[in-house]
Amino acid sequence: MPMHTTDEMNRFIELRADGFSVPTVSQQLGIPASTLYDWDPRDRHHIQRIKRFTFDKTEARILGSYERQPDSKP
């Protein structure tokens, strides 16, 4: 069984959090999809946490820019 680096494992989490499918991540990392399907449940908590963080950050940026818009009333 080949050992995978921490960088590969972290990149898997990042790509999954960005919404890429396991087969797509497999192609990008050159790691068999069967291995990544084993990793997915193990890392699901981290993947979801990154997704939430990214969503919250995006939401704050959008709402912040909306709140800074000048009032358009005549």
C-alpha atoms as a PDB file:
ATOM      1  CA  MET A   1       0.000   0.000   0.000  1.00  0.00           C
ATOM      2  CA  PRO A   2       1.620   3.306  -1.056  1.00  0.00           C
ATOM      3  CA  MET A   3       2.052   6.006   1.548  1.00  0.00           C
ATOM      4  CA  HIS A   4       0.672   9.376   0.651  1.00  0.00           C
ATOM      5  CA  THR A   5       2.126  12.657   1.764  1.00  0.00           C
ATOM      6  CA  THR A   6       0.434  15.106   4.071  1.00  0.00           C
ATOM      7  CA  ASP A   7       0.424  17.564   1.164  1.00  0.00           C
ATOM      8  CA  GLU A   8      -1.537  15.098  -0.982  1.00  0.00           C
ATOM      9  CA  MET A   9      -4.030  14.506   1.809  1.00  0.00           C
ATOM     10  CA  ASN A  10      -4.454  18.233   2.440  1.00  0.00           C
ATOM     11  CA  ARG A  11      -4.880  18.904  -1.278  1.00  0.00           C
ATOM     12  CA  PHE A  12      -7.566  16.200  -1.377  1.00  0.00           C
ATOM     13  CA  ILE A  13      -9.456  18.003   1.419  1.00  0.00           C
ATOM     14  CA  GLU A  14      -9.095  21.382  -0.319  1.00  0.00           C
ATOM     15  CA  LEU A  15     -10.302  20.093  -3.670  1.00  0.00           C
ATOM     16  CA  ARG A  16     -13.259  18.260  -2.135  1.00  0.00           C
ATOM     17  CA  ALA A  17     -14.173  21.394  -0.157  1.00  0.00           C
ATOM     18  CA  ASP A  18     -14.075  23.309  -3.449  1.00  0.00           C
ATOM     19  CA  GLY A  19     -16.709  20.914  -4.771  1.00  0.00           C
ATOM     20  CA  PHE A  20     -14.624  18.678  -7.017  1.00  0.00           C
ATOM     21  CA  SER A  21     -15.793  15.083  -7.362  1.00  0.00           C
ATOM     22  CA  VAL A  22     -13.676  12.165  -6.179  1.00  0.00           C
ATOM     23  CA  PRO A  23     -12.962  11.027  -9.772  1.00  0.00           C
ATOM     24  CA  THR A  24     -11.819  14.556 -10.709  1.00  0.00           C
ATOM     25  CA  VAL A  25      -9.591  14.800  -7.635  1.00  0.00           C
ATOM     26  CA  SER A  26      -8.217  11.366  -8.468  1.00  0.00           C
ATOM     27  CA  GLN A  27      -7.181  12.578 -11.927  1.00  0.00           C
ATOM     28  CA  GLN A  28      -5.652  15.786 -10.565  1.00  0.00           C
ATOM     29  CA  LEU A  29      -3.651  14.088  -7.812  1.00  0.00           C
ATOM     30  CA  GLY A  30      -2.847  10.852  -9.611  1.00  0.00           C
ATOM     31  CA  ILE A  31      -4.229   8.823  -6.709  1.00  0.00           C
ATOM     32  CA  PRO A  32      -6.700   5.988  -7.359  1.00  0.00           C
ATOM     33  CA  ALA A  33     -10.322   6.968  -6.780  1.00  0.00           C
ATOM     34  CA  SER A  34     -10.737   3.864  -4.592  1.00  0.00           C
ATOM     35  CA  THR A  35      -8.172   5.305  -2.176  1.00  0.00           C
ATOM     36  CA  LEU A  36      -9.885   8.698  -2.172  1.00  0.00           C
ATOM     37  CA  TYR A  37     -13.279   7.108  -1.542  1.00  0.00           C
ATOM     38  CA  ASP A  38     -11.680   5.640   1.613  1.00  0.00           C
ATOM     39  CA  TRP A  39     -10.389   9.075   2.612  1.00  0.00           C
ATOM     40  CA  ASP A  40     -13.678  10.896   2.003  1.00  0.00           C
ATOM     41  CA  PRO A  41     -15.592   9.714   5.106  1.00  0.00           C
ATOM     42  CA  ARG A  42     -12.476  10.062   7.251  1.00  0.00           C
ATOM     43  CA  ASP A  43     -12.011  13.710   6.201  1.00  0.00           C
ATOM     44  CA  ARG A  44     -15.659  14.700   5.835  1.00  0.00           C
ATOM     45  CA  HIS A  45     -15.587  16.845   8.987  1.00  0.00           C
ATOM     46  CA  HIS A  46     -12.616  18.861   7.695  1.00  0.00           C
ATOM     47  CA  ILE A  47     -14.164  19.203   4.242  1.00  0.00           C
ATOM     48  CA  GLN A  48     -17.441  20.496   5.689  1.00  0.00           C
ATOM     49  CA  ARG A  49     -15.649  22.899   8.017  1.00  0.00           C
ATOM     50  CA  ILE A  50     -13.719  24.437   5.126  1.00  0.00           C
ATOM     51  CA  LYS A  51     -16.910  24.701   3.052  1.00  0.00           C
ATOM     52  CA  ARG A  52     -18.671  26.525   5.909  1.00  0.00           C
ATOM     53  CA  PHE A  53     -15.714  28.843   6.471  1.00  0.00           C
ATOM     54  CA  THR A  54     -15.549  29.708   2.771  1.00  0.00           C
ATOM     55  CA  PHE A  55     -19.305  30.276   2.631  1.00  0.00           C
ATOM     56  CA  ASP A  56     -19.264  32.492   5.736  1.00  0.00           C
ATOM     57  CA  LYS A  57     -16.362  34.516   4.351  1.00  0.00           C
ATOM     58  CA  THR A  58     -18.103  34.997   1.006  1.00  0.00           C
ATOM     59  CA  GLU A  59     -21.377  35.884   2.672  1.00  0.00           C
ATOM     60  CA  ALA A  60     -19.690  38.506   4.871  1.00  0.00           C
ATOM     61  CA  ARG A  61     -17.945  40.026   1.860  1.00  0.00           C
ATOM     62  CA  ILE A  62     -21.185  40.217  -0.156  1.00  0.00           C
ATOM     63  CA  LEU A  63     -23.282  41.559   2.698  1.00  0.00           C
ATOM     64  CA  GLY A  64     -20.572  44.014   3.658  1.00  0.00           C
ATOM     65  CA  SER A  65     -20.414  45.436   0.148  1.00  0.00           C
ATOM     66  CA  TYR A  66     -24.219  45.580   0.017  1.00  0.00           C
ATOM     67  CA  GLU A  67     -24.358  47.506   3.298  1.00  0.00           C
ATOM     68  CA  ARG A  68     -21.786  50.001   1.996  1.00  0.00           C
ATOM     69  CA  GLN A  69     -23.868  50.824  -1.094  1.00  0.00           C
ATOM     70  CA  PRO A  70     -25.219  54.382  -1.115  1.00  0.00           C
ATOM     71  CA  ASP A  71     -28.936  54.706  -0.640  1.00  0.00           C
ATOM     72  CA  SER A  72     -30.502  54.902  -4.106  1.00  0.00           C
ATOM     73  CA  LYS A  73     -33.633  56.806  -3.059  1.00  0.00           C
ATOM     74  CA  PRO A  74     -34.143  60.104  -4.952  1.00  0.00           C
END
